[in-house]
Amino acid sequence: MMFLFDLLNDNIDFSKLLSQVGFNFRNNGTRSRNLFVVPFYNTNCSSESFFPRVLTLANKIINQVDFLFMSSHVFKRNVYITLSSVNYL
């Protein structure tokens, strides 16, 4: 989560990887609040790699944390609290 946070907040200068992050702008008034588009992969090895897994997990906790407007310390604490309360850890 911290890697994605740092990537989105320009703490990591890796524009090629940042260009791979897809944002979902079409919510059409639904309760679905998925901010990130998780790409489809044909193989299990690719779909279970780091990047798709972190985007999927980020979509699950997007209602509890803010990737763009929190300080690093507050973000880290909120992610830990959120993940430990729903038994992701």
N, C-alpha and C. Protein backbone atom coordinates (compact mmCIF):
# COMPACT_ATOMS: atom_id res chain seq x y z
N MET A 1 0.81 -1.18 0.00
CA MET A 1 0.00 0.00 0.00
C MET A 1 0.86 1.26 0.00
N MET A 2 1.94 1.24 0.78
CA MET A 2 2.80 2.42 0.83
C MET A 2 3.47 2.67 -0.52
N PHE A 3 3.79 1.60 -1.23
CA PHE A 3 4.38 1.78 -2.55
C PHE A 3 3.41 2.49 -3.48
N LEU A 4 2.16 2.07 -3.49
CA LEU A 4 1.15 2.71 -4.32
C LEU A 4 0.91 4.15 -3.88
N PHE A 5 0.87 4.38 -2.58
CA PHE A 5 0.71 5.73 -2.04
C PHE A 5 1.86 6.63 -2.51
N ASP A 6 3.08 6.14 -2.37
CA ASP A 6 4.24 6.93 -2.78
C ASP A 6 4.27 7.16 -4.29
N LEU A 7 3.85 6.17 -5.04
CA LEU A 7 3.81 6.31 -6.50
C LEU A 7 2.79 7.37 -6.91
N LEU A 8 1.62 7.36 -6.30
CA LEU A 8 0.58 8.32 -6.66
C LEU A 8 0.89 9.73 -6.19
N ASN A 9 1.64 9.85 -5.10
CA ASN A 9 1.97 11.16 -4.56
C ASN A 9 3.33 11.66 -5.01
N ASP A 10 3.88 11.04 -6.02
CA ASP A 10 5.13 11.46 -6.65
C ASP A 10 6.33 11.42 -5.70
N ASN A 11 6.27 10.54 -4.71
CA ASN A 11 7.43 10.30 -3.85
C ASN A 11 8.39 9.31 -4.51
N ILE A 12 7.87 8.55 -5.47
CA ILE A 12 8.67 7.64 -6.28
C ILE A 12 8.55 8.13 -7.72
N ASP A 13 9.66 8.42 -8.34
CA ASP A 13 9.65 8.93 -9.70
C ASP A 13 9.79 7.76 -10.67
N PHE A 14 8.66 7.20 -11.05
CA PHE A 14 8.66 6.06 -11.95
C PHE A 14 7.45 6.21 -12.88
N SER A 15 7.57 7.12 -13.82
CA SER A 15 6.44 7.49 -14.67
C SER A 15 5.93 6.33 -15.52
N LYS A 16 6.80 5.41 -15.89
CA LYS A 16 6.35 4.27 -16.70
C LYS A 16 5.39 3.39 -15.90
N LEU A 17 5.69 3.16 -14.63
CA LEU A 17 4.79 2.38 -13.79
C LEU A 17 3.53 3.17 -13.46
N LEU A 18 3.66 4.45 -13.23
CA LEU A 18 2.50 5.29 -12.94
C LEU A 18 1.53 5.30 -14.11
N SER A 19 2.05 5.21 -15.31
CA SER A 19 1.17 5.18 -16.49
C SER A 19 0.37 3.89 -16.57
N GLN A 20 0.78 2.86 -15.83
CA GLN A 20 0.06 1.59 -15.81
C GLN A 20 -1.12 1.59 -14.84
N VAL A 21 -1.19 2.61 -13.98
CA VAL A 21 -2.29 2.70 -13.02
C VAL A 21 -3.50 3.28 -13.74
N GLY A 22 -4.56 2.48 -13.82
CA GLY A 22 -5.78 2.95 -14.46
C GLY A 22 -6.77 3.43 -13.41
N PHE A 23 -7.38 4.57 -13.67
CA PHE A 23 -8.36 5.14 -12.75
C PHE A 23 -9.76 4.94 -13.31
N ASN A 24 -10.68 4.58 -12.44
CA ASN A 24 -12.06 4.37 -12.82
C ASN A 24 -12.83 5.65 -12.53
N PHE A 25 -13.25 6.34 -13.57
CA PHE A 25 -13.97 7.60 -13.40
C PHE A 25 -15.47 7.44 -13.59
N ARG A 26 -15.93 6.27 -14.00
CA ARG A 26 -17.35 6.05 -14.26
C ARG A 26 -17.98 5.28 -13.11
N ASN A 27 -18.60 5.98 -12.19
CA ASN A 27 -19.31 5.31 -11.10
C ASN A 27 -20.81 5.33 -11.31
N ASN A 28 -21.31 6.24 -12.12
CA ASN A 28 -22.73 6.31 -12.49
C ASN A 28 -23.67 6.23 -11.30
N GLY A 29 -23.29 6.81 -10.19
CA GLY A 29 -24.18 6.83 -9.04
C GLY A 29 -24.31 5.51 -8.31
N THR A 30 -23.46 4.56 -8.61
CA THR A 30 -23.55 3.27 -7.93
C THR A 30 -22.77 3.31 -6.63
N ARG A 31 -22.95 2.29 -5.83
CA ARG A 31 -22.20 2.20 -4.58
C ARG A 31 -20.78 1.70 -4.79
N SER A 32 -20.50 1.22 -5.97
CA SER A 32 -19.16 0.75 -6.29
C SER A 32 -18.20 1.93 -6.32
N ARG A 33 -17.22 1.90 -5.45
CA ARG A 33 -16.28 3.01 -5.35
C ARG A 33 -14.88 2.57 -5.75
N ASN A 34 -14.76 1.68 -6.70
CA ASN A 34 -13.45 1.24 -7.14
C ASN A 34 -12.75 2.38 -7.85
N LEU A 35 -11.67 2.86 -7.25
CA LEU A 35 -10.92 3.96 -7.84
C LEU A 35 -9.97 3.47 -8.92
N PHE A 36 -9.46 2.26 -8.74
CA PHE A 36 -8.45 1.74 -9.66
C PHE A 36 -9.02 0.65 -10.55
N VAL A 37 -8.61 0.65 -11.80
CA VAL A 37 -8.97 -0.40 -12.74
C VAL A 37 -7.90 -1.47 -12.65
N VAL A 38 -8.32 -2.69 -12.32
CA VAL A 38 -7.38 -3.81 -12.24
C VAL A 38 -7.35 -4.48 -13.61
N PRO A 39 -6.20 -4.51 -14.25
CA PRO A 39 -6.14 -5.10 -15.59
C PRO A 39 -6.39 -6.60 -15.57
N PHE A 40 -6.92 -7.11 -16.67
CA PHE A 40 -7.16 -8.54 -16.80
C PHE A 40 -5.91 -9.20 -17.36
N TYR A 41 -5.55 -10.33 -16.76
CA TYR A 41 -4.39 -11.10 -17.22
C TYR A 41 -4.84 -12.51 -17.57
N ASN A 42 -4.21 -13.10 -18.58
CA ASN A 42 -4.58 -14.43 -19.04
C ASN A 42 -3.99 -15.54 -18.18
N THR A 43 -2.94 -15.25 -17.43
CA THR A 43 -2.30 -16.30 -16.65
C THR A 43 -2.43 -16.01 -15.16
N ASN A 44 -2.44 -17.07 -14.36
CA ASN A 44 -2.50 -16.92 -12.91
C ASN A 44 -1.25 -16.23 -12.38
N CYS A 45 -0.12 -16.53 -12.99
CA CYS A 45 1.13 -15.92 -12.54
C CYS A 45 1.08 -14.40 -12.65
N SER A 46 0.57 -13.91 -13.75
CA SER A 46 0.47 -12.46 -13.94
C SER A 46 -0.60 -11.85 -13.06
N SER A 47 -1.75 -12.51 -12.93
CA SER A 47 -2.84 -11.94 -12.15
C SER A 47 -2.55 -11.96 -10.66
N GLU A 48 -1.66 -12.83 -10.21
CA GLU A 48 -1.30 -12.89 -8.79
C GLU A 48 0.00 -12.16 -8.48
N SER A 49 0.50 -11.39 -9.44
CA SER A 49 1.72 -10.63 -9.20
C SER A 49 1.41 -9.41 -8.32
N PHE A 50 2.44 -8.68 -7.96
CA PHE A 50 2.31 -7.60 -6.99
C PHE A 50 1.33 -6.52 -7.40
N PHE A 51 1.46 -6.01 -8.61
CA PHE A 51 0.70 -4.83 -9.00
C PHE A 51 -0.81 -5.07 -9.05
N PRO A 52 -1.31 -6.13 -9.68
CA PRO A 52 -2.76 -6.37 -9.65
C PRO A 52 -3.28 -6.63 -8.24
N ARG A 53 -2.49 -7.29 -7.42
CA ARG A 53 -2.93 -7.56 -6.05
C ARG A 53 -3.03 -6.29 -5.23
N VAL A 54 -2.08 -5.38 -5.38
CA VAL A 54 -2.12 -4.14 -4.60
C VAL A 54 -3.27 -3.25 -5.08
N LEU A 55 -3.58 -3.24 -6.36
CA LEU A 55 -4.71 -2.46 -6.86
C LEU A 55 -6.04 -3.04 -6.37
N THR A 56 -6.15 -4.37 -6.34
CA THR A 56 -7.36 -5.01 -5.84
C THR A 56 -7.56 -4.71 -4.36
N LEU A 57 -6.51 -4.81 -3.59
CA LEU A 57 -6.59 -4.51 -2.16
C LEU A 57 -6.90 -3.04 -1.93
N ALA A 58 -6.33 -2.17 -2.74
CA ALA A 58 -6.61 -0.74 -2.61
C ALA A 58 -8.08 -0.45 -2.88
N ASN A 59 -8.67 -1.13 -3.84
CA ASN A 59 -10.10 -0.95 -4.11
C ASN A 59 -10.97 -1.41 -2.94
N LYS A 60 -10.50 -2.40 -2.20
CA LYS A 60 -11.28 -2.91 -1.07
C LYS A 60 -11.26 -1.96 0.12
N ILE A 61 -10.21 -1.17 0.26
CA ILE A 61 -10.11 -0.29 1.42
C ILE A 61 -10.27 1.19 1.06
N ILE A 62 -10.70 1.47 -0.16
CA ILE A 62 -10.75 2.85 -0.65
C ILE A 62 -11.70 3.72 0.16
N ASN A 63 -12.72 3.15 0.79
CA ASN A 63 -13.65 3.95 1.58
C ASN A 63 -13.08 4.37 2.92
N GLN A 64 -12.02 3.71 3.39
CA GLN A 64 -11.44 4.02 4.69
C GLN A 64 -10.17 4.87 4.61
N VAL A 65 -9.51 4.88 3.49
CA VAL A 65 -8.26 5.63 3.35
C VAL A 65 -8.31 6.51 2.11
N ASP A 66 -7.51 7.54 2.11
CA ASP A 66 -7.43 8.46 0.99
C ASP A 66 -6.00 8.44 0.45
N PHE A 67 -5.84 8.01 -0.77
CA PHE A 67 -4.51 7.86 -1.35
C PHE A 67 -3.88 9.19 -1.75
N LEU A 68 -4.67 10.24 -1.84
CA LEU A 68 -4.14 11.48 -2.38
C LEU A 68 -4.05 12.63 -1.38
N PHE A 69 -4.86 12.62 -0.34
CA PHE A 69 -4.93 13.78 0.54
C PHE A 69 -4.63 13.47 1.99
N MET A 70 -3.88 12.45 2.27
CA MET A 70 -3.44 12.11 3.63
C MET A 70 -1.93 12.20 3.69
N SER A 71 -1.43 12.50 4.88
CA SER A 71 0.01 12.44 5.05
C SER A 71 0.43 10.98 5.08
N SER A 72 1.69 10.74 4.86
CA SER A 72 2.20 9.38 4.84
C SER A 72 1.97 8.66 6.16
N HIS A 73 2.19 9.35 7.25
CA HIS A 73 2.02 8.75 8.57
C HIS A 73 0.56 8.39 8.84
N VAL A 74 -0.35 9.30 8.54
CA VAL A 74 -1.78 9.05 8.76
C VAL A 74 -2.26 7.94 7.83
N PHE A 75 -1.81 7.95 6.59
CA PHE A 75 -2.19 6.91 5.64
C PHE A 75 -1.75 5.54 6.14
N LYS A 76 -0.51 5.44 6.57
CA LYS A 76 0.03 4.16 7.04
C LYS A 76 -0.77 3.65 8.24
N ARG A 77 -1.08 4.54 9.17
CA ARG A 77 -1.85 4.16 10.36
C ARG A 77 -3.26 3.70 9.97
N ASN A 78 -3.92 4.44 9.08
CA ASN A 78 -5.28 4.07 8.67
C ASN A 78 -5.31 2.76 7.90
N VAL A 79 -4.31 2.52 7.07
CA VAL A 79 -4.24 1.24 6.35
C VAL A 79 -4.05 0.10 7.33
N TYR A 80 -3.19 0.27 8.30
CA TYR A 80 -2.96 -0.79 9.29
C TYR A 80 -4.23 -1.07 10.08
N ILE A 81 -4.90 -0.03 10.52
CA ILE A 81 -6.14 -0.20 11.29
C ILE A 81 -7.20 -0.88 10.44
N THR A 82 -7.35 -0.45 9.21
CA THR A 82 -8.36 -1.02 8.32
C THR A 82 -8.08 -2.48 8.01
N LEU A 83 -6.84 -2.79 7.66
CA LEU A 83 -6.51 -4.17 7.30
C LEU A 83 -6.56 -5.10 8.50
N SER A 84 -6.18 -4.62 9.66
CA SER A 84 -6.23 -5.50 10.84
C SER A 84 -7.66 -5.69 11.32
N SER A 85 -8.54 -4.73 11.07
CA SER A 85 -9.93 -4.88 11.53
C SER A 85 -10.72 -5.83 10.64
N VAL A 86 -10.33 -6.00 9.40
CA VAL A 86 -11.04 -6.90 8.51
C VAL A 86 -10.24 -8.17 8.22
N ASN A 87 -9.22 -8.40 8.99
CA ASN A 87 -8.41 -9.63 8.94
C ASN A 87 -7.73 -9.86 7.59
N TYR A 88 -7.20 -8.81 6.98
CA TYR A 88 -6.39 -8.97 5.78
C TYR A 88 -4.94 -9.26 6.12
N LEU A 89 -4.52 -8.93 7.36
CA LEU A 89 -3.13 -9.14 7.75
C LEU A 89 -2.88 -10.57 8.14
